[in-house]
Protein backbone atom coordinates (compact mmCIF):
# COMPACT_ATOMS: atom_id res chain seq x y z
CA MET A 1 -23.88 50.13 -46.58
CA THR A 2 -24.33 53.78 -46.13
CA ASP A 3 -25.26 56.16 -48.93
CA ARG A 4 -23.87 59.57 -48.16
CA THR A 5 -25.99 62.54 -48.19
CA ASP A 6 -24.27 65.50 -50.01
CA LYS A 7 -24.27 68.39 -47.97
CA THR A 8 -21.37 70.46 -48.87
CA LEU A 9 -21.35 70.50 -52.68
CA PRO A 10 -19.80 73.47 -54.31
CA ASP A 11 -21.85 76.63 -55.45
CA PRO A 12 -22.18 76.61 -59.12
CA ALA A 13 -20.37 80.05 -59.48
CA ARG A 14 -17.47 77.60 -58.32
CA ARG A 15 -17.28 76.52 -61.79
CA THR A 16 -17.86 79.65 -63.63
CA PHE A 17 -15.49 80.92 -66.10
CA LEU A 18 -14.77 84.58 -66.07
CA ALA A 19 -16.50 87.04 -68.39
CA ARG A 20 -13.65 87.67 -70.98
CA GLY A 21 -14.86 90.71 -72.53
CA GLY A 22 -15.90 91.71 -75.93
CA SER A 23 -17.35 88.87 -78.16
CA LEU A 24 -16.34 86.17 -75.80
CA GLY A 25 -18.98 86.61 -73.42
CA LEU A 26 -19.45 84.79 -70.07
CA LEU A 27 -18.38 81.05 -70.09
CA LEU A 28 -20.68 79.23 -67.98
CA ALA A 29 -19.33 75.91 -66.88
CA THR A 30 -21.45 74.65 -63.80
CA THR A 31 -20.48 71.51 -62.64
CA GLY A 32 -21.79 71.34 -59.03
CA LEU A 33 -25.01 71.96 -57.15
CA PRO A 34 -25.44 74.33 -54.01
CA THR A 35 -25.28 73.82 -50.88
CA CYS A 36 -28.64 71.67 -49.83
CA LEU A 37 -29.84 71.97 -46.58
CA ALA A 38 -29.62 68.71 -44.58
CA ALA A 39 -32.25 65.93 -44.53
CA GLN A 40 -34.78 66.08 -41.63
CA GLU A 41 -36.63 63.17 -40.21
CA THR A 42 -39.93 63.48 -42.43
CA PRO A 43 -40.92 60.41 -44.39
CA VAL A 44 -39.92 59.92 -47.84
CA PRO A 45 -42.67 59.44 -50.26
CA ALA A 46 -44.07 55.91 -50.98
CA VAL A 47 -43.41 54.63 -54.41
CA ASP A 48 -46.62 53.97 -56.23
CA PRO A 49 -46.67 50.14 -56.89
CA ALA A 50 -49.25 50.31 -59.54
CA ALA A 51 -47.15 52.61 -61.50
CA ALA A 52 -46.65 50.96 -65.07
CA PRO A 53 -42.97 49.91 -65.93
CA PRO A 54 -41.17 52.21 -68.43
CA ALA A 55 -41.19 50.91 -71.98
CA ALA A 56 -38.09 49.37 -73.30
CA MET A 57 -36.40 49.45 -76.72
CA ALA A 58 -33.37 47.84 -78.08
CA PHE A 59 -30.16 50.05 -77.54
CA SER A 60 -26.26 49.74 -78.16
CA PHE A 61 -23.49 52.03 -78.96
CA ASP A 62 -23.78 51.61 -82.51
CA SER A 63 -27.37 52.24 -82.41
CA LEU A 64 -26.48 55.87 -80.57
CA THR A 65 -23.95 56.51 -83.01
CA GLU A 66 -26.35 55.89 -85.94
CA ALA A 67 -28.83 58.22 -84.23
CA ALA A 68 -25.99 60.82 -83.76
CA ARG A 69 -25.07 60.82 -87.63
CA ALA A 70 -28.87 61.10 -88.67
CA ARG A 71 -29.12 64.08 -86.40
CA ALA A 72 -26.09 65.79 -88.31
CA ALA A 73 -28.10 65.84 -91.17
CA GLY A 74 -30.67 68.41 -89.70
CA GLU A 75 -30.16 71.62 -87.57
CA ASP A 76 -29.58 71.72 -83.74
CA PRO A 77 -33.09 71.68 -82.43
CA VAL A 78 -34.08 74.33 -80.00
CA PRO A 79 -35.26 72.95 -76.31
CA ALA A 80 -38.48 73.81 -75.31
CA PRO A 81 -38.68 76.21 -72.14
CA LEU A 82 -39.50 74.90 -68.85
CA SER A 83 -42.88 75.28 -67.73
CA ASP A 84 -45.10 75.00 -64.39
CA PHE A 85 -43.18 75.30 -60.92
CA LEU A 86 -39.85 74.29 -62.71
CA ALA A 87 -39.81 77.74 -64.81
CA GLY A 88 -39.78 80.00 -61.61
CA LEU A 89 -36.95 78.38 -59.60
CA ASP A 90 -34.19 80.88 -58.99
CA TYR A 91 -31.06 80.46 -56.64
CA ASP A 92 -32.96 80.84 -53.55
CA LYS A 93 -35.41 78.28 -54.31
CA TYR A 94 -32.94 75.73 -55.88
CA GLN A 95 -31.58 75.64 -52.61
CA MET A 96 -34.52 74.15 -50.99
CA ILE A 97 -34.47 71.23 -53.15
CA GLN A 98 -32.58 67.63 -52.26
CA PHE A 99 -32.96 64.31 -53.96
CA TRP A 100 -34.21 61.85 -51.34
CA PRO A 101 -31.18 59.15 -50.96
CA LYS A 102 -33.33 56.45 -49.92
CA ARG A 103 -34.74 56.54 -53.38
CA ALA A 104 -31.44 56.19 -55.35
CA ARG A 105 -31.65 54.00 -58.02
CA TRP A 106 -29.75 50.57 -58.25
CA ALA A 107 -30.05 50.48 -54.56
CA GLU A 108 -30.51 46.56 -54.70
CA LYS A 109 -28.70 44.94 -51.58
CA ASP A 110 -25.81 43.29 -53.93
CA SER A 111 -25.55 46.50 -56.28
CA LEU A 112 -21.95 48.58 -55.64
CA TRP A 113 -23.59 51.16 -57.41
CA ARG A 114 -26.13 54.14 -56.77
CA VAL A 115 -27.68 56.63 -59.21
CA LEU A 116 -28.78 59.93 -57.95
CA PRO A 117 -30.12 62.57 -60.08
CA PHE A 118 -29.81 66.43 -60.09
CA HIS A 119 -32.85 68.61 -60.13
CA VAL A 120 -33.69 70.49 -63.41
CA GLY A 121 -34.29 74.17 -62.87
CA TRP A 122 -32.33 77.68 -62.41
CA LEU A 123 -29.28 77.42 -64.09
CA PHE A 124 -30.15 73.91 -65.65
CA LYS A 125 -32.83 74.95 -67.93
CA GLU A 126 -32.60 71.97 -70.52
CA PRO A 127 -33.58 68.53 -69.26
CA VAL A 128 -32.20 65.31 -70.11
CA LYS A 129 -33.30 61.97 -70.01
CA ILE A 130 -31.65 58.90 -68.36
CA TYR A 131 -32.27 55.62 -69.41
CA GLU A 132 -31.09 52.25 -67.95
CA VAL A 133 -30.01 49.63 -69.97
CA THR A 134 -30.33 45.70 -69.25
CA ASP A 135 -29.63 43.19 -71.57
CA GLY A 136 -29.37 45.57 -74.32
CA GLN A 137 -32.83 47.10 -73.99
CA ALA A 138 -33.21 50.72 -72.77
CA ALA A 139 -36.20 51.93 -70.49
CA GLU A 140 -36.69 55.35 -69.26
CA MET A 141 -35.47 56.22 -65.90
CA GLY A 142 -38.11 58.58 -64.85
CA PHE A 143 -38.13 60.70 -61.70
CA THR A 144 -41.05 62.88 -60.03
CA THR A 145 -41.57 65.43 -57.57
CA ALA A 146 -41.95 62.45 -55.07
CA ASP A 147 -38.18 61.49 -55.44
CA PHE A 148 -37.13 65.05 -54.25
CA GLU A 149 -37.73 66.93 -51.01
CA TYR A 150 -38.91 70.62 -51.21
CA ARG A 151 -38.51 72.74 -48.46
CA ALA A 152 -40.95 75.51 -47.39
CA PRO A 153 -41.96 77.90 -48.86
CA LEU A 154 -41.20 76.27 -52.14
CA LYS A 155 -43.18 73.03 -50.99
CA ALA A 156 -46.32 74.84 -51.27
CA GLU A 157 -45.72 75.23 -55.05
CA VAL A 158 -44.81 72.07 -55.86
CA PRO A 159 -47.49 69.71 -57.14
CA GLU A 160 -47.43 65.89 -55.82
CA ASN A 161 -46.28 63.21 -57.93
CA PHE A 162 -45.36 65.68 -60.87
CA THR A 163 -43.41 63.82 -63.51
CA LEU A 164 -40.69 65.87 -64.48
CA PRO A 165 -39.62 66.46 -68.17
CA GLY A 166 -36.15 65.04 -67.21
CA VAL A 167 -33.09 65.82 -64.81
CA ALA A 168 -30.06 68.25 -64.81
CA GLY A 169 -27.84 65.23 -64.67
CA PHE A 170 -27.03 62.54 -62.07
CA LYS A 171 -23.89 61.40 -60.09
CA LEU A 172 -22.65 57.80 -59.40
CA ASN A 173 -21.65 56.75 -55.90
CA HIS A 174 -19.77 53.69 -55.18
CA PRO A 175 -17.74 52.38 -51.87
CA ILE A 176 -14.52 53.98 -52.93
CA ASN A 177 -13.32 55.27 -49.56
CA ARG A 178 -14.74 52.55 -47.13
CA GLY A 179 -16.59 49.62 -48.02
CA ASP A 180 -19.66 50.48 -45.89
CA LEU A 181 -19.72 53.95 -47.75
CA PHE A 182 -21.11 55.02 -51.04
CA ASP A 183 -19.30 57.86 -52.15
CA GLU A 184 -19.44 60.04 -55.30
CA VAL A 185 -17.42 58.64 -58.20
CA ILE A 186 -18.43 60.57 -61.15
CA SER A 187 -21.26 63.45 -61.86
CA PHE A 188 -22.50 64.58 -64.84
CA VAL A 189 -24.26 68.11 -64.87
CA GLY A 190 -24.28 71.11 -67.25
CA ALA A 191 -23.63 71.31 -70.74
CA SER A 192 -21.04 68.59 -71.39
CA TYR A 193 -19.32 68.71 -68.21
CA PHE A 194 -18.26 66.08 -65.72
CA ARG A 195 -16.14 65.52 -62.55
CA VAL A 196 -14.23 62.51 -61.07
CA LEU A 197 -12.93 61.48 -57.69
CA GLY A 198 -9.99 58.90 -57.02
CA GLN A 199 -9.80 57.82 -53.37
CA GLY A 200 -9.37 60.15 -50.78
CA ASN A 201 -9.86 63.14 -53.20
CA ALA A 202 -12.37 66.12 -53.20
CA TYR A 203 -13.88 67.87 -56.28
CA GLY A 204 -11.51 70.21 -58.24
CA LEU A 205 -11.08 70.40 -61.85
CA SER A 206 -13.74 69.35 -64.49
CA SER A 207 -13.80 67.59 -68.10
CA ARG A 208 -15.92 68.28 -70.93
CA GLY A 209 -17.28 65.87 -73.71
CA LEU A 210 -15.76 68.51 -76.03
CA ALA A 211 -14.46 71.94 -76.60
CA ILE A 212 -15.24 74.33 -79.72
CA ASP A 213 -13.54 77.67 -80.70
CA THR A 214 -12.45 78.33 -77.03
CA GLY A 215 -10.82 81.80 -76.65
CA LEU A 216 -10.81 82.81 -80.01
CA SER A 217 -12.32 86.04 -81.92
CA LYS A 218 -15.59 84.34 -82.37
CA ALA A 219 -17.98 83.34 -79.65
CA GLU A 220 -17.32 79.81 -78.04
CA GLU A 221 -19.61 77.08 -78.76
CA PHE A 222 -20.50 74.75 -75.85
CA PRO A 223 -21.69 71.47 -76.71
CA ARG A 224 -24.05 69.61 -74.25
CA PHE A 225 -25.01 65.97 -73.20
CA THR A 226 -28.69 65.37 -74.08
CA GLY A 227 -29.28 62.02 -72.79
CA PHE A 228 -27.38 59.27 -70.88
CA TRP A 229 -27.97 55.51 -71.01
CA LEU A 230 -26.57 53.79 -67.96
CA GLU A 231 -25.72 49.89 -68.10
CA LYS A 232 -26.75 48.38 -65.18
CA PRO A 233 -23.91 46.72 -63.66
CA ALA A 234 -23.99 42.92 -62.50
CA PRO A 235 -24.19 42.45 -58.87
CA GLY A 236 -20.98 43.08 -57.10
CA ALA A 237 -19.37 44.76 -60.23
CA GLN A 238 -16.88 47.27 -59.88
CA VAL A 239 -17.18 48.87 -63.31
CA VAL A 240 -19.88 50.85 -64.92
CA THR A 241 -20.59 51.91 -68.49
CA VAL A 242 -22.31 55.25 -69.08
CA TYR A 243 -23.40 56.29 -72.82
CA ALA A 244 -24.57 60.00 -73.83
CA ALA A 245 -25.68 61.66 -76.68
CA LEU A 246 -23.99 65.07 -77.35
CA ASP A 247 -25.31 67.94 -79.40
CA SER A 248 -24.19 71.24 -80.46
CA ALA A 249 -24.67 73.58 -83.41
CA SER A 250 -21.81 72.37 -85.31
CA VAL A 251 -21.39 68.74 -84.22
CA THR A 252 -23.41 65.58 -82.67
CA GLY A 253 -21.71 62.87 -81.19
CA ALA A 254 -22.10 59.37 -79.25
CA TYR A 255 -19.79 58.82 -76.46
CA ARG A 256 -19.19 55.84 -74.16
CA PHE A 257 -17.40 55.99 -70.45
CA THR A 258 -16.27 53.21 -69.00
CA ILE A 259 -15.66 53.85 -65.44
CA THR A 260 -13.31 52.01 -63.08
CA PRO A 261 -12.99 53.64 -59.53
CA GLY A 262 -9.87 53.20 -57.21
CA VAL A 263 -6.99 54.86 -55.67
CA GLU A 264 -6.74 55.87 -59.35
CA THR A 265 -10.17 56.16 -61.04
CA THR A 266 -9.85 55.30 -64.90
CA VAL A 267 -12.25 56.53 -67.35
CA ASP A 268 -12.12 55.19 -70.87
CA VAL A 269 -13.82 57.22 -73.22
CA THR A 270 -14.68 56.57 -77.07
CA ALA A 271 -16.10 59.51 -78.92
CA ARG A 272 -17.58 59.35 -82.26
CA LEU A 273 -18.26 62.83 -83.80
CA PHE A 274 -20.34 64.17 -86.94
CA PHE A 275 -19.88 67.77 -87.91
CA ARG A 276 -22.61 69.83 -89.31
CA ASN A 277 -20.31 72.89 -89.99
CA GLU A 278 -16.57 73.25 -90.34
CA VAL A 279 -15.02 74.19 -86.86
CA GLU A 280 -12.13 76.39 -86.46
CA GLU A 281 -10.58 74.76 -83.33
CA LEU A 282 -11.89 71.70 -82.35
CA GLY A 283 -10.55 70.55 -78.46
CA ILE A 284 -10.46 66.90 -77.63
CA ALA A 285 -10.41 65.57 -73.89
CA PRO A 286 -10.76 69.44 -72.69
CA LEU A 287 -9.96 70.02 -69.02
CA THR A 288 -10.94 73.03 -67.00
CA SER A 289 -9.41 74.32 -63.65
CA MET A 290 -8.46 76.94 -61.53
CA PHE A 291 -5.35 78.90 -60.64
CA LEU A 292 -5.56 81.89 -58.46
CA TYR A 293 -2.03 82.36 -57.26
CA GLY A 294 0.93 80.40 -55.98
CA GLU A 295 4.53 81.18 -55.10
CA VAL A 296 4.85 82.63 -58.54
CA ASN A 297 2.27 85.46 -58.16
CA ARG A 298 0.98 85.59 -54.79
CA ALA A 299 2.28 89.36 -54.29
CA ARG A 300 -0.68 90.21 -56.41
CA PHE A 301 -3.23 88.57 -53.38
CA ASP A 302 -3.57 89.82 -50.01
CA ASP A 303 -4.49 86.47 -48.43
CA TYR A 304 -3.19 84.48 -45.42
CA ARG A 305 -3.25 81.38 -47.39
CA PRO A 306 0.31 80.59 -49.16
CA GLN A 307 -1.30 79.29 -52.37
CA VAL A 308 -5.10 78.78 -53.79
CA HIS A 309 -5.44 76.72 -56.94
CA ASP A 310 -7.20 73.38 -57.94
CA SER A 311 -3.93 72.89 -60.50
CA ASN A 312 -0.73 74.50 -60.45
CA GLY A 313 0.83 72.69 -63.36
CA LEU A 314 0.50 71.35 -67.39
CA ARG A 315 2.12 68.10 -67.51
CA ILE A 316 3.25 66.66 -71.15
CA GLU A 317 4.81 63.60 -71.43
CA ARG A 318 6.17 63.53 -74.94
CA ALA A 319 6.83 60.55 -77.24
CA ASP A 320 10.43 60.51 -76.69
CA GLY A 321 9.97 60.44 -73.17
CA ASP A 322 10.72 64.07 -72.30
CA VAL A 323 8.29 65.61 -69.75
CA ILE A 324 7.29 69.17 -70.00
CA TRP A 325 6.23 70.88 -66.67
CA ARG A 326 4.29 73.95 -67.65
CA ALA A 327 3.80 75.94 -64.45
CA LEU A 328 0.43 77.56 -64.45
CA ASN A 329 -0.11 81.09 -64.32
CA ASN A 330 -2.80 84.00 -63.74
CA PRO A 331 -2.32 86.31 -66.43
CA LEU A 332 -3.18 90.24 -66.68
CA ALA A 333 -4.61 89.30 -69.70
CA LEU A 334 -6.02 86.27 -71.81
CA ALA A 335 -3.15 84.25 -72.76
CA SER A 336 -2.26 81.07 -74.82
CA SER A 337 0.13 78.42 -75.44
CA TYR A 338 0.67 75.62 -77.75
CA PHE A 339 2.78 72.56 -77.35
CA ALA A 340 3.29 70.91 -80.67
CA GLU A 341 3.14 67.18 -80.10
CA THR A 342 3.20 64.13 -82.29
CA ARG A 343 1.59 61.12 -80.74
CA PRO A 344 2.26 62.38 -77.02
CA ARG A 345 1.91 59.55 -74.31
CA ARG A 346 -0.05 61.59 -71.69
CA PHE A 347 -1.18 65.18 -71.09
CA GLY A 348 -3.03 66.88 -68.11
CA LEU A 349 -3.23 69.13 -65.50
CA HIS A 350 -1.84 68.31 -62.01
CA GLN A 351 -1.78 69.44 -58.54
CA ARG A 352 1.30 69.19 -56.91
CA GLY A 353 1.55 70.38 -53.17
CA ARG A 354 -0.32 67.49 -51.03
CA ASP A 355 0.59 68.97 -47.57
CA PHE A 356 -2.18 71.02 -45.57
CA ASP A 357 0.78 73.57 -45.02
CA ASP A 358 0.95 74.29 -48.78
CA TYR A 359 -2.61 76.05 -48.56
CA GLN A 360 -3.93 76.51 -45.05
CA ASP A 361 -7.20 76.20 -46.17
CA ALA A 362 -9.41 74.13 -43.53
CA GLU A 363 -12.72 74.16 -45.68
CA ALA A 364 -11.42 74.16 -49.35
CA HIS A 365 -8.63 71.54 -48.75
CA TYR A 366 -6.86 72.31 -52.04
CA GLU A 367 -4.30 69.65 -51.12
CA ARG A 368 -6.94 66.90 -51.77
CA ARG A 369 -7.70 68.06 -55.44
CA PRO A 370 -7.41 65.64 -57.90
CA SER A 371 -4.78 65.38 -60.86
CA VAL A 372 -5.88 64.37 -64.07
CA ASP A 373 -4.01 62.82 -67.02
CA ILE A 374 -5.44 62.04 -70.63
CA GLU A 375 -3.89 58.98 -72.23
CA PRO A 376 -4.57 58.64 -75.93
CA LEU A 377 -5.59 55.33 -76.95
CA GLY A 378 -4.79 54.52 -80.70
CA ASP A 379 -2.61 56.84 -83.06
CA TRP A 380 -3.61 60.67 -82.36
CA GLY A 381 -1.14 61.49 -84.86
CA ALA A 382 -0.02 65.27 -84.98
CA GLY A 383 -1.54 68.06 -83.21
CA ARG A 384 -0.94 70.50 -80.15
CA VAL A 385 -1.69 70.42 -76.59
CA ARG A 386 -3.46 74.12 -75.79
CA LEU A 387 -3.15 75.90 -72.54
CA VAL A 388 -5.69 78.87 -72.21
CA GLU A 389 -5.20 81.12 -69.16
CA ILE A 390 -7.80 83.51 -68.33
CA PRO A 391 -7.37 86.66 -65.73
CA SER A 392 -9.22 85.81 -62.56
CA ALA A 393 -9.29 87.95 -59.37
CA LEU A 394 -11.61 85.40 -57.31
CA GLU A 395 -11.14 81.40 -56.74
CA VAL A 396 -14.53 80.90 -57.83
CA HIS A 397 -13.75 81.13 -61.37
CA ASP A 398 -12.42 78.23 -63.41
CA ASN A 399 -9.83 80.33 -65.37
CA ILE A 400 -7.77 77.36 -66.78
CA VAL A 401 -8.34 75.19 -70.27
CA ALA A 402 -6.22 72.81 -71.63
CA TYR A 403 -7.15 70.28 -74.39
CA TRP A 404 -5.66 68.07 -77.56
CA VAL A 405 -5.98 69.81 -80.96
CA PRO A 406 -5.57 67.69 -83.95
CA ASP A 407 -3.70 69.54 -87.04
CA GLN A 408 -6.38 68.41 -89.25
CA LYS A 409 -9.74 70.64 -88.64
CA PRO A 410 -13.18 69.13 -89.13
CA ALA A 411 -14.96 69.65 -92.03
CA ALA A 412 -18.64 69.99 -92.50
CA GLY A 413 -19.95 66.44 -93.23
CA SER A 414 -16.75 64.76 -92.01
CA SER A 415 -16.80 62.06 -88.95
CA LEU A 416 -14.10 61.48 -86.32
CA GLU A 417 -13.78 58.74 -83.62
CA ILE A 418 -11.31 59.09 -81.02
CA SER A 419 -10.38 57.38 -77.64
CA TYR A 420 -8.62 58.06 -74.32
CA ARG A 421 -8.24 56.82 -70.82
CA MET A 422 -8.60 59.67 -67.91
CA HIS A 423 -6.61 59.18 -65.12
CA TRP A 424 -7.98 60.98 -62.06
CA GLY A 425 -6.38 60.84 -58.48
CA ARG A 426 -3.05 62.08 -56.62
CA LEU A 427 -1.24 60.96 -59.60
CA ASP A 428 1.86 61.25 -57.33
CA ALA A 429 3.92 58.48 -59.14
CA PRO A 430 7.85 58.49 -58.92
CA ALA A 431 9.62 60.87 -61.46
CA MET A 432 9.91 58.89 -64.94
CA ASP A 433 13.12 57.67 -66.09
CA ASP A 434 15.11 58.89 -62.89
CA ARG A 435 14.28 62.33 -63.54
CA ALA A 436 13.80 64.89 -61.10
CA ARG A 437 10.36 66.51 -60.81
CA VAL A 438 9.74 70.51 -60.43
CA LEU A 439 8.59 70.64 -56.90
CA GLU A 440 7.82 74.58 -56.83
CA THR A 441 7.83 77.95 -59.26
CA ARG A 442 8.45 81.05 -57.33
CA GLY A 443 8.89 84.66 -59.00
CA GLY A 444 9.80 88.17 -57.84
CA VAL A 445 11.72 91.16 -58.77
CA GLY A 446 14.98 90.50 -60.34
CA GLY A 447 18.37 91.64 -59.19
CA ALA A 448 20.39 90.84 -56.09
CA ALA A 449 18.34 90.63 -52.84
CA GLY A 450 18.91 93.72 -50.65
CA ASN A 451 19.46 96.23 -53.12
CA ASP A 452 17.16 98.71 -54.46
CA ASN A 453 16.71 97.12 -57.88
CA PRO A 454 14.32 98.79 -60.44
CA PRO A 455 11.68 96.42 -61.28
CA ASP A 456 13.33 95.98 -64.85
CA THR A 457 13.41 92.20 -64.77
CA ARG A 458 11.92 89.29 -63.25
CA LYS A 459 13.36 86.70 -61.21
CA PHE A 460 12.11 83.12 -61.49
CA VAL A 461 13.16 80.19 -58.86
CA VAL A 462 12.68 76.71 -60.02
CA ASP A 463 12.87 73.90 -57.41
CA PHE A 464 13.70 70.33 -58.55
CA GLN A 465 13.42 67.18 -56.27
CA GLY A 466 14.16 63.51 -57.19
CA GLY A 467 15.54 60.96 -59.36
CA MET A 468 19.24 60.97 -60.02
CA LEU A 469 19.53 64.61 -59.18
CA SER A 470 18.46 64.16 -55.62
CA ARG A 471 21.67 61.53 -55.22
CA LEU A 472 24.18 63.89 -56.38
CA ALA A 473 26.66 65.60 -54.03
CA PRO A 474 26.50 69.23 -53.80
CA GLU A 475 29.73 70.19 -55.56
CA ASP A 476 29.28 67.80 -58.56
CA ALA A 477 30.47 69.55 -61.44
CA GLY A 478 29.19 67.18 -64.11
CA ILE A 479 25.79 68.98 -64.31
CA LYS A 480 24.65 72.47 -65.57
CA PRO A 481 21.24 74.42 -66.14
CA VAL A 482 19.84 75.07 -69.63
CA VAL A 483 17.95 77.90 -69.55
CA THR A 484 16.55 79.55 -72.77
CA VAL A 485 14.27 82.52 -73.50
CA THR A 486 12.30 83.78 -76.38
CA ASN A 487 11.43 87.43 -76.49
CA GLY A 488 13.87 88.11 -73.88
CA LYS A 489 17.31 87.20 -71.97
CA ALA A 490 18.15 84.94 -68.99
CA GLU A 491 20.79 86.79 -66.75
CA ASN A 492 22.59 85.67 -63.72
CA VAL A 493 21.91 82.01 -63.60
CA THR A 494 22.77 79.76 -60.64
CA LEU A 495 22.31 76.36 -59.72
CA HIS A 496 23.06 75.19 -55.96
CA ARG A 497 21.49 72.50 -53.63
CA ILE A 498 19.54 73.67 -50.67
CA ASP A 499 21.46 72.94 -47.56
CA GLY A 500 20.10 69.66 -45.56
CA THR A 501 18.12 68.60 -48.28
CA ASP A 502 17.75 66.94 -51.81
CA ILE A 503 16.20 69.93 -53.64
CA TRP A 504 17.99 71.80 -56.21
CA ARG A 505 17.61 75.27 -56.80
CA LEU A 506 17.63 77.04 -60.07
CA VAL A 507 17.60 80.94 -59.84
CA PHE A 508 17.74 83.33 -62.88
CA ASP A 509 16.54 86.61 -63.97
CA VAL A 510 14.83 87.50 -67.34
CA ALA A 511 14.84 90.55 -69.09
CA SER A 512 12.29 91.63 -71.68
CA ASP A 513 10.75 94.27 -73.55
CA THR A 514 7.57 95.85 -71.82
CA GLY A 515 4.72 93.82 -73.84
CA ALA A 516 6.73 91.07 -75.17
CA VAL A 517 5.42 87.53 -74.41
CA ALA A 518 8.58 85.68 -73.34
CA GLU A 519 8.38 81.87 -73.47
CA LEU A 520 10.59 80.67 -70.63
CA SER A 521 12.35 77.01 -70.68
CA ALA A 522 14.77 75.58 -68.18
CA HIS A 523 16.10 72.01 -67.10
CA VAL A 524 19.21 70.60 -65.30
CA ALA A 525 21.64 68.35 -67.87
CA GLY A 526 24.46 66.18 -66.87
CA TYR A 527 26.29 62.90 -67.93
CA GLY A 528 24.78 63.00 -71.53
CA ARG A 529 21.12 63.31 -70.30
CA LYS A 530 18.41 65.65 -69.04
CA LEU A 531 18.04 65.05 -65.20
CA THR A 532 14.83 67.04 -64.72
CA GLU A 533 11.48 67.79 -66.39
CA ILE A 534 11.43 70.68 -68.36
CA TRP A 535 9.95 73.46 -66.90
CA MET A 536 8.30 75.97 -69.00
CA PHE A 537 6.64 79.37 -68.38
CA GLN A 538 4.99 82.36 -69.78
CA TRP A 539 5.99 85.98 -68.67
CA VAL A 540 4.39 88.85 -70.21
CA LYS A 541 6.48 92.41 -68.61
CA SER A 542 3.87 94.70 -67.95
């Protein structure tokens, strides 16, 4: 099999939030590494056969849990600053570093997994340790400068066989697209960020271990993974388990990730959390994405591409079977939406639009970005799905955040265990319960086309496709649109089937007072049931 060498990894700025202004500051969310130079035909440094094997110690998820519980009784330690040549690694120097693929761990002939680390330094100033777990015994998976290639002129500054204090993170490669090629499946790097790929996907949105006080009046707290334990899979194993220690000013934690790659890659997550301090808003299973523009707001961007986004909707599958599709927006001011739920079946950020023509971007290939669903395991009880939308002028900024907020706030000294299954992939399953899905959301100036209408209203156009609705005749009188608006009024509501297609188009204008936050909701009903997903959107008249 072949190990794929990454030559086009995203720039770290691609995973950076916008500066939100005031006390919110800059939210740095790095989950990628800069583009590395292609490896030349230079010899890989030899491994020292006389090196002593690392010492091993007993390990289990329970022992990791007890260590997290013990740490919660003290203060969050301040990491020691980097020293030696690592302290001087800036952006330009970091571009000169690449891991030798032939030095990947777990590279035995019968192994279906490879471990490749990310170098510490530049933005990654807190080294993390990686341990290999075999038969309940953990030994450090140490790395030295011999494991990396350093290009000139940096090479002259790097000592040979220098033991690194840790790494920035790692990725796991596995034959997910071709049986003879090891492609990335998951990567952990930067705070508690990680990203996952299903078959045929390209990296897009990210996840985090935990979100604390996101988008509130106080500064956001960023928990970080401070150590990883990788359970060595048996020969030929398709599943791998990763454990992680989490630390932050307010919380410590022990995490277990069980990763099963495929057309849809699943990650089963169990988090055991211990709170040093009370947390105002706890975000469980946070997702971070980018929405610059789509058909609903493209007039603000002079760009040849029709759409630019990693995700274009928040999908919530409710306990009663209803499905909410909250179309994403790039607002002019920080926006927040809460969706009260009890025992939701799933929620997640989705990318709808899987054709190249939807984006016309031959480099970014937004049509290949994965969607992600969070499936609660066990009873999560009552809470809210929160959506945060942050103004952005550039596609290099992640400006969308979504997560679960439990109704009960964690108190100092309390603990919490929660489990969920993440589904990463295209997630283009047929419409649930024979309901049509939202195909597209469009927006423009309200009023009749062709007239000189004052921009006092906003027109919204929602296309639905699939399910029973697509099988109905255009003249069917048994269906009707249901449109509701809070802090505004819906006008000129029409519903019709587009000629020659199975797409039904709902069109309506919304009138609202300047500065008012209008919450919009719409679906098509008929024959005693909902025939579509429930489309939602937030609009603020400027």
